[in-house]
N, C-alpha and C. Protein backbone atom coordinates (compact mmCIF):
# COMPACT_ATOMS: atom_id res chain seq x y z
N MET A 1 118.97 110.71 142.45
CA MET A 1 119.16 109.56 141.08
C MET A 1 119.60 108.42 141.65
N ASN A 2 119.55 107.60 140.24
CA ASN A 2 119.25 106.44 140.52
C ASN A 2 120.79 105.67 139.99
N ILE A 3 121.47 104.76 140.02
CA ILE A 3 122.68 104.60 139.93
C ILE A 3 123.13 104.38 138.36
N LYS A 4 122.18 104.03 137.48
CA LYS A 4 121.59 103.79 136.11
C LYS A 4 122.33 105.51 135.30
N GLN A 5 121.56 106.47 136.37
CA GLN A 5 121.56 107.86 135.39
C GLN A 5 122.65 108.54 136.08
N VAL A 6 123.68 107.89 137.25
CA VAL A 6 124.90 108.62 137.82
C VAL A 6 125.69 108.11 136.51
N ALA A 7 125.77 106.51 136.11
CA ALA A 7 126.50 106.07 135.73
C ALA A 7 126.83 106.75 134.40
N GLU A 8 125.78 107.23 133.92
CA GLU A 8 125.18 107.50 132.17
C GLU A 8 126.35 109.01 132.51
N MET A 9 125.93 109.76 133.02
CA MET A 9 125.81 111.48 133.50
C MET A 9 127.48 111.17 134.05
N PHE A 10 128.08 111.06 134.25
CA PHE A 10 129.44 110.23 134.43
C PHE A 10 130.50 109.33 133.36
N ASP A 11 130.01 108.59 132.49
CA ASP A 11 130.24 107.36 131.60
C ASP A 11 131.06 106.41 132.21
N LEU A 12 130.51 106.04 133.39
CA LEU A 12 130.86 105.07 134.05
C LEU A 12 129.98 103.98 133.92
N THR A 13 130.97 102.75 134.07
CA THR A 13 129.57 101.79 134.13
C THR A 13 128.94 101.59 135.44
N VAL A 14 127.65 100.35 136.01
CA VAL A 14 127.72 100.34 137.03
C VAL A 14 128.20 99.81 138.12
N ASP A 15 128.96 98.57 137.57
CA ASP A 15 129.55 97.71 138.19
C ASP A 15 131.06 98.92 139.02
N THR A 16 131.20 99.65 138.05
CA THR A 16 132.31 100.88 138.36
C THR A 16 131.78 101.41 140.06
N ILE A 17 130.79 101.54 139.88
CA ILE A 17 130.32 102.91 140.66
C ILE A 17 130.13 101.99 141.98
N ARG A 18 129.62 100.73 142.03
CA ARG A 18 129.12 100.02 143.04
C ARG A 18 130.85 99.43 143.88
N TYR A 19 131.26 99.06 142.54
CA TYR A 19 132.69 98.46 143.29
C TYR A 19 133.51 100.04 143.80
N TYR A 20 133.11 101.70 143.35
CA TYR A 20 134.10 102.26 144.34
C TYR A 20 132.99 102.43 145.32
N GLU A 21 131.82 102.36 145.64
CA GLU A 21 131.00 102.07 146.86
C GLU A 21 131.58 100.98 148.29
N ARG A 22 131.83 100.39 147.23
CA ARG A 22 132.37 98.38 148.11
C ARG A 22 133.72 98.84 148.64
N VAL A 23 134.85 99.13 148.00
CA VAL A 23 136.03 99.28 148.61
C VAL A 23 136.54 100.54 149.83
N GLY A 24 135.57 101.78 148.80
CA GLY A 24 135.19 103.16 149.89
C GLY A 24 136.30 103.91 149.32
N VAL A 25 136.27 104.00 147.59
CA VAL A 25 136.51 105.03 146.84
C VAL A 25 135.35 106.33 147.20
N ILE A 26 134.34 106.43 147.35
CA ILE A 26 133.15 106.71 148.10
C ILE A 26 132.61 106.18 148.83
N PRO A 27 132.00 107.88 149.13
CA PRO A 27 131.58 106.67 150.76
C PRO A 27 129.60 105.99 150.65
N PRO A 28 129.23 105.69 151.06
CA PRO A 28 128.17 104.69 151.25
C PRO A 28 127.71 105.84 150.36
N ILE A 29 126.31 105.16 149.53
CA ILE A 29 125.08 106.19 148.90
C ILE A 29 124.12 105.49 150.10
N GLU A 30 123.43 106.48 150.74
CA GLU A 30 121.37 106.46 150.51
C GLU A 30 120.67 105.53 150.05
N ARG A 31 120.11 104.91 150.95
CA ARG A 31 119.28 103.37 150.19
C ARG A 31 117.57 104.23 150.61
N ASP A 32 117.06 103.49 149.52
CA ASP A 32 115.92 103.92 149.96
C ASP A 32 115.35 102.82 150.40
N LYS A 33 113.66 102.59 150.48
CA LYS A 33 113.30 101.65 151.30
C LYS A 33 113.34 100.12 150.81
N ASN A 34 113.79 100.22 149.43
CA ASN A 34 114.24 99.17 148.46
C ASN A 34 115.03 98.66 148.00
N GLY A 35 115.89 99.61 148.86
CA GLY A 35 117.03 98.85 149.17
C GLY A 35 118.48 100.15 147.49
N TYR A 36 117.34 100.40 147.41
CA TYR A 36 118.01 101.24 146.19
C TYR A 36 118.90 101.91 146.16
N ARG A 37 119.65 102.06 145.45
CA ARG A 37 120.61 103.82 146.23
C ARG A 37 120.66 104.74 145.76
N VAL A 38 120.17 105.81 146.32
CA VAL A 38 119.52 107.14 146.21
C VAL A 38 120.96 108.31 146.21
N PHE A 39 121.27 108.89 144.59
CA PHE A 39 122.57 110.01 144.92
C PHE A 39 122.16 111.25 145.34
N LYS A 40 122.88 111.70 146.25
CA LYS A 40 123.22 113.02 146.24
C LYS A 40 123.64 113.91 145.60
N LYS A 41 124.09 115.07 145.51
CA LYS A 41 124.96 116.42 144.57
C LYS A 41 126.14 115.72 145.26
N ARG A 42 125.97 115.23 146.93
CA ARG A 42 127.56 115.36 148.19
C ARG A 42 128.24 114.12 147.35
N ASP A 43 126.87 112.71 147.16
CA ASP A 43 127.86 111.36 146.35
C ASP A 43 128.08 112.22 145.16
N LEU A 44 127.14 112.73 144.32
CA LEU A 44 127.67 113.06 143.13
C LEU A 44 129.53 113.76 142.51
N ASN A 45 129.53 115.00 143.51
CA ASN A 45 130.85 115.06 143.77
C ASN A 45 132.25 114.00 144.31
N TRP A 46 131.58 113.26 144.84
CA TRP A 46 132.34 111.97 145.09
C TRP A 46 132.29 111.32 144.31
N VAL A 47 131.79 111.33 143.34
CA VAL A 47 131.47 109.96 141.67
C VAL A 47 132.78 110.80 140.89
N PHE A 48 132.41 112.08 140.72
CA PHE A 48 132.82 112.76 140.04
C PHE A 48 134.15 112.84 140.27
N LEU A 49 134.95 113.16 141.99
CA LEU A 49 136.48 113.46 141.99
C LEU A 49 136.96 112.30 141.56
N ALA A 50 136.10 111.03 142.41
CA ALA A 50 136.86 109.63 141.97
C ALA A 50 137.30 109.00 140.50
N LYS A 51 136.12 109.66 139.99
CA LYS A 51 136.40 109.51 138.44
C LYS A 51 137.91 110.59 137.94
N SER A 52 137.94 112.10 138.49
CA SER A 52 138.98 112.29 137.75
C SER A 52 140.14 112.24 138.37
N LEU A 53 140.00 111.65 139.73
CA LEU A 53 141.94 111.66 139.68
C LEU A 53 141.62 110.50 139.67
N ARG A 54 141.45 109.19 139.16
CA ARG A 54 141.62 107.91 138.30
C ARG A 54 142.30 108.82 137.14
N ASN A 55 141.76 109.10 136.37
CA ASN A 55 141.71 109.57 134.83
C ASN A 55 143.40 109.74 135.27
N ALA A 56 143.44 111.18 136.45
CA ALA A 56 144.88 112.05 136.83
C ALA A 56 146.15 111.11 137.04
N GLY A 57 145.30 109.58 136.87
CA GLY A 57 146.78 108.38 137.50
C GLY A 57 146.72 107.98 139.25
N LEU A 58 145.69 108.45 139.96
CA LEU A 58 145.64 108.15 141.58
C LEU A 58 145.63 107.05 141.42
N SER A 59 146.13 105.85 142.55
CA SER A 59 145.74 104.59 143.01
C SER A 59 144.06 104.98 143.48
N ILE A 60 143.84 103.48 143.66
CA ILE A 60 142.67 103.08 143.66
C ILE A 60 143.07 103.55 145.82
N GLU A 61 144.34 102.50 146.20
CA GLU A 61 144.43 102.78 148.00
C GLU A 61 144.31 104.16 147.42
N SER A 62 145.07 104.97 146.72
CA SER A 62 145.47 106.50 147.35
C SER A 62 143.52 106.74 147.58
N LEU A 63 142.93 106.84 146.73
CA LEU A 63 141.21 107.22 146.66
C LEU A 63 140.94 106.50 148.19
N ILE A 64 141.39 105.48 148.65
CA ILE A 64 140.03 104.88 149.11
C ILE A 64 140.67 105.56 150.86
N GLU A 65 141.95 105.33 150.60
CA GLU A 65 142.97 106.41 151.83
C GLU A 65 142.46 107.88 152.18
N PHE A 66 141.74 108.59 150.92
CA PHE A 66 141.19 110.08 150.77
C PHE A 66 140.33 110.15 151.51
N ALA A 67 139.38 108.84 150.66
CA ALA A 67 137.72 109.00 150.89
C ALA A 67 137.69 108.70 152.21
N ALA A 68 138.29 108.23 152.71
CA ALA A 68 138.64 107.28 154.56
C ALA A 68 138.77 108.45 155.36
N LEU A 69 139.77 109.40 154.79
CA LEU A 69 140.60 110.66 155.72
C LEU A 69 139.13 111.35 155.44
N SER A 70 138.29 111.63 154.78
CA SER A 70 137.05 113.04 155.03
C SER A 70 136.24 112.84 155.79
N GLN A 71 136.30 111.28 156.48
CA GLN A 71 135.14 110.67 157.40
C GLN A 71 135.97 111.43 158.69
N LEU A 72 136.88 111.31 158.83
CA LEU A 72 137.32 112.43 159.92
C LEU A 72 137.44 113.47 160.26
N GLU A 73 137.82 114.07 161.77
CA GLU A 73 137.89 115.58 161.98
C GLU A 73 138.75 115.84 161.75
N ASP A 74 138.70 117.24 161.92
CA ASP A 74 139.46 118.79 162.06
C ASP A 74 140.81 118.55 161.40
N ASP A 75 142.13 118.42 161.80
CA ASP A 75 143.36 118.42 161.39
C ASP A 75 143.94 117.60 160.86
N LYS A 76 143.12 116.04 161.58
CA LYS A 76 143.21 114.98 160.46
C LYS A 76 143.09 114.81 159.05
N ARG A 77 141.56 115.78 158.64
CA ARG A 77 141.41 115.72 157.35
C ARG A 77 142.30 116.20 156.74
N LEU A 78 143.10 117.56 156.99
CA LEU A 78 144.54 118.24 156.39
C LEU A 78 144.83 117.14 155.42
N ALA A 79 144.88 115.42 155.72
CA ALA A 79 146.13 115.08 154.78
C ALA A 79 145.49 115.14 153.30
N GLN A 80 144.08 114.87 153.24
CA GLN A 80 144.31 114.38 151.79
C GLN A 80 144.48 115.98 151.02
N LYS A 81 144.10 116.76 151.62
CA LYS A 81 145.14 118.05 151.25
C LYS A 81 146.07 117.91 150.42
N ASP A 82 147.72 116.86 151.48
CA ASP A 82 148.21 116.27 150.91
C ASP A 82 148.44 115.35 149.76
N ILE A 83 147.60 114.12 150.05
CA ILE A 83 147.54 113.34 148.45
C ILE A 83 147.52 114.54 147.61
N LEU A 84 146.72 115.39 147.84
CA LEU A 84 145.99 116.03 146.23
C LEU A 84 146.55 117.02 145.49
N LYS A 85 148.38 117.36 146.87
CA LYS A 85 148.99 118.15 146.03
C LYS A 85 150.30 117.06 145.83
N ASP A 86 150.20 115.99 145.71
CA ASP A 86 151.08 115.35 145.68
C ASP A 86 150.76 114.02 144.27
N GLN A 87 149.22 114.92 144.04
CA GLN A 87 149.04 114.17 142.76
C GLN A 87 149.00 115.26 141.69
N LEU A 88 148.59 116.67 141.71
CA LEU A 88 148.81 117.69 141.02
C LEU A 88 151.04 117.75 141.42
N LYS A 89 151.53 117.28 141.58
CA LYS A 89 153.06 117.89 141.51
C LYS A 89 153.40 116.24 140.18
N GLU A 90 152.85 115.43 141.00
CA GLU A 90 152.81 114.42 139.87
C GLU A 90 152.38 114.65 138.17
N LEU A 91 151.40 115.27 138.36
CA LEU A 91 150.66 115.05 137.08
C LEU A 91 150.69 116.22 135.97
N ASN A 92 151.94 117.41 136.79
CA ASN A 92 152.20 118.35 136.10
C ASN A 92 153.72 117.70 135.48
N GLU A 93 154.40 116.88 136.29
CA GLU A 93 155.66 116.43 135.73
C GLU A 93 155.02 115.97 134.18
N LYS A 94 153.45 114.89 134.62
CA LYS A 94 153.71 113.65 133.25
C LYS A 94 153.49 114.86 132.06
N ILE A 95 152.21 115.93 132.37
CA ILE A 95 152.24 117.23 131.00
C ILE A 95 153.52 117.54 130.90
N THR A 96 154.22 118.02 131.41
CA THR A 96 156.12 118.14 131.17
C THR A 96 156.18 117.45 130.32
N GLU A 97 156.00 116.00 130.94
CA GLU A 97 156.30 115.00 129.97
C GLU A 97 155.71 115.69 128.53
N MET A 98 154.78 114.65 128.64
CA MET A 98 153.57 115.23 127.56
C MET A 98 154.01 115.97 126.27
N VAL A 99 154.12 117.08 127.38
CA VAL A 99 154.26 118.05 125.79
C VAL A 99 155.78 118.29 125.33
N GLN A 100 157.18 117.27 125.87
CA GLN A 100 158.23 117.25 125.60
C GLN A 100 157.55 116.34 124.48
N VAL A 101 157.27 115.53 124.13
CA VAL A 101 157.14 114.12 123.39
C VAL A 101 156.48 114.77 122.64
N ARG A 102 155.16 115.19 122.34
CA ARG A 102 153.98 116.40 121.23
C ARG A 102 155.22 116.59 120.36
N ASP A 103 156.36 117.56 121.81
CA ASP A 103 156.87 118.69 120.28
C ASP A 103 157.97 117.45 119.89
N LEU A 104 158.70 116.88 120.12
CA LEU A 104 159.50 116.17 119.58
C LEU A 104 158.72 115.56 118.28
N LEU A 105 156.84 114.74 118.49
CA LEU A 105 156.32 114.33 117.54
C LEU A 105 156.56 115.43 116.57
N GLU A 106 155.89 116.73 116.63
CA GLU A 106 155.98 118.06 115.75
C GLU A 106 156.97 117.63 114.71
N TYR A 107 158.26 117.70 115.91
CA TYR A 107 159.29 118.44 115.14
C TYR A 107 159.15 116.91 113.46
N LYS A 108 159.55 115.28 114.25
CA LYS A 108 159.69 114.33 113.43
C LYS A 108 159.05 114.29 112.51
N ILE A 109 157.62 115.38 113.08
CA ILE A 109 156.40 115.21 111.34
C ILE A 109 156.68 116.59 110.27
N GLU A 110 157.16 117.11 111.34
CA GLU A 110 157.82 118.79 109.89
C GLU A 110 159.16 118.53 109.08
N THR A 111 159.89 117.50 109.73
CA THR A 111 161.10 116.69 109.40
C THR A 111 161.66 115.51 108.50
N TYR A 112 160.21 115.06 108.45
CA TYR A 112 159.68 113.68 108.35
C TYR A 112 160.98 113.64 106.61
N ASP A 113 160.20 114.34 105.67
CA ASP A 113 160.31 113.81 104.41
C ASP A 113 161.80 114.50 103.63
N ASP A 114 162.54 115.42 104.79
CA ASP A 114 163.31 116.08 104.25
C ASP A 114 164.70 115.33 104.63
N HIS A 115 164.42 114.76 106.16
CA HIS A 115 165.02 113.61 106.77
C HIS A 115 165.38 112.53 105.43
N ILE A 116 164.09 111.28 105.32
CA ILE A 116 164.45 110.78 104.73
C ILE A 116 164.81 110.84 103.14
N ALA A 117 164.91 112.42 102.41
CA ALA A 117 165.25 112.35 100.86
C ALA A 117 166.72 112.77 101.39
N LYS A 118 167.47 112.95 102.35
CA LYS A 118 169.07 112.93 102.70
C LYS A 118 169.31 111.78 102.93
N PHE A 119 168.59 110.90 103.24
CA PHE A 119 169.01 109.30 103.53
C PHE A 119 169.01 109.32 102.17
N ARG A 120 168.31 109.07 101.25
CA ARG A 120 167.90 108.20 100.10
C ARG A 120 169.12 108.78 99.09
N ASN A 121 169.53 110.24 99.39
CA ASN A 121 170.14 110.77 98.79
C ASN A 121 171.42 110.56 98.57
N GLY A 122 172.10 109.90 99.89
CA GLY A 122 172.74 110.03 100.68
C GLY A 122 173.87 111.48 101.15
N ASN A 123 172.79 112.33 101.53
CA ASN A 123 173.45 113.15 101.93
C ASN A 123 173.94 112.91 103.36
N ILE A 124 173.04 111.87 104.02
CA ILE A 124 173.80 112.41 105.13
C ILE A 124 173.95 111.02 105.63
N THR A 125 174.79 110.29 107.04
CA THR A 125 174.97 108.72 107.14
C THR A 125 174.77 108.83 108.68
N ASP A 126 174.75 107.58 109.02
CA ASP A 126 173.97 107.36 110.25
C ASP A 126 174.91 107.68 111.31
N ASP A 127 175.92 108.62 111.47
CA ASP A 127 176.71 108.31 112.07
C ASP A 127 176.62 110.51 112.41
N GLU A 128 176.15 110.78 111.25
CA GLU A 128 175.75 112.29 110.83
C GLU A 128 174.42 112.87 111.46
N ILE A 129 173.94 111.83 111.95
CA ILE A 129 172.53 112.37 112.11
C ILE A 129 172.42 113.17 113.26
N GLU A 130 171.22 113.58 113.45
CA GLU A 130 171.05 114.73 114.51
C GLU A 130 170.95 113.43 116.12
N GLU A 131 170.87 114.20 117.00
CA GLU A 131 171.27 113.41 118.09
C GLU A 131 169.71 114.07 118.97
N LEU A 132 168.55 113.24 118.36
CA LEU A 132 167.34 113.98 119.31
C LEU A 132 167.34 114.16 120.83
N TRP A 133 167.85 113.04 122.08
CA TRP A 133 167.67 113.11 122.78
C TRP A 133 168.93 114.83 122.98
N LYS A 134 169.46 115.46 122.52
CA LYS A 134 170.21 116.59 123.35
C LYS A 134 169.29 117.92 122.66
N MET A 135 168.52 117.17 121.47
CA MET A 135 167.50 118.57 120.95
C MET A 135 167.29 119.60 122.27
N LYS A 136 166.71 120.82 122.31
CA LYS A 136 166.52 121.44 123.49
C LYS A 136 165.20 121.67 123.93
N HIS A 137 164.38 121.15 122.60
CA HIS A 137 162.81 120.65 122.81
C HIS A 137 162.83 119.34 123.59
N ILE A 138 163.52 118.83 123.42
CA ILE A 138 163.42 117.59 124.13
C ILE A 138 164.29 117.06 125.11
N LYS A 139 165.03 118.15 125.81
CA LYS A 139 165.94 117.44 127.02
C LYS A 139 165.29 117.58 127.84
N LYS A 140 165.22 117.43 129.47
CA LYS A 140 164.12 117.18 130.17
C LYS A 140 165.44 118.93 130.93
N GLU A 141 163.94 119.41 131.08
CA GLU A 141 164.53 120.08 132.21
C GLU A 141 164.54 119.53 133.93
N LYS A 142 166.35 120.34 134.39
CA LYS A 142 166.72 120.50 135.54
C LYS A 142 166.07 121.12 136.66
C-alpha cells in the first residue's frame, strides 16, 4: 500500500504521515526500488495507533518515546505499557469530566425555559439562584 492510500484509509494527510516517520512517531517505512514507501500491516498498525493516541491527547514527544521503546529488547520495552497506562488514566479523567459537562448542559437545556420565566416574572433573584458548582451531578468526585 502506498502513502496516498494510507492517508485516505486513516483520514490523515500525506504530510502528516511523512512527519510521523521523520520525527520517529512511527518506525521507518520500507521503500521500493524507486524510493516510494511501501506500507505493510505492521506499518498500518503504527499509523493507526499514532493517530488514535494523538486523538486521545498523547503528545508527539510521548509518541516518539513510545516508538523508540518498541525498538528496544525485552524488559526495556515494558516502559511502553506505562505510557499506555498513563494515557488511559488521563483519558478516563477527561471522560469523567466530559460526562459531567454533558450532564450540566442537559440540565441547563431541560430547565432553561423555566429558569428564564422565573427571572422574567421576578420569582427568583440573583441571590436565590442555584449554585451549579454544588449540584450533585456537577461536583467532581474525590
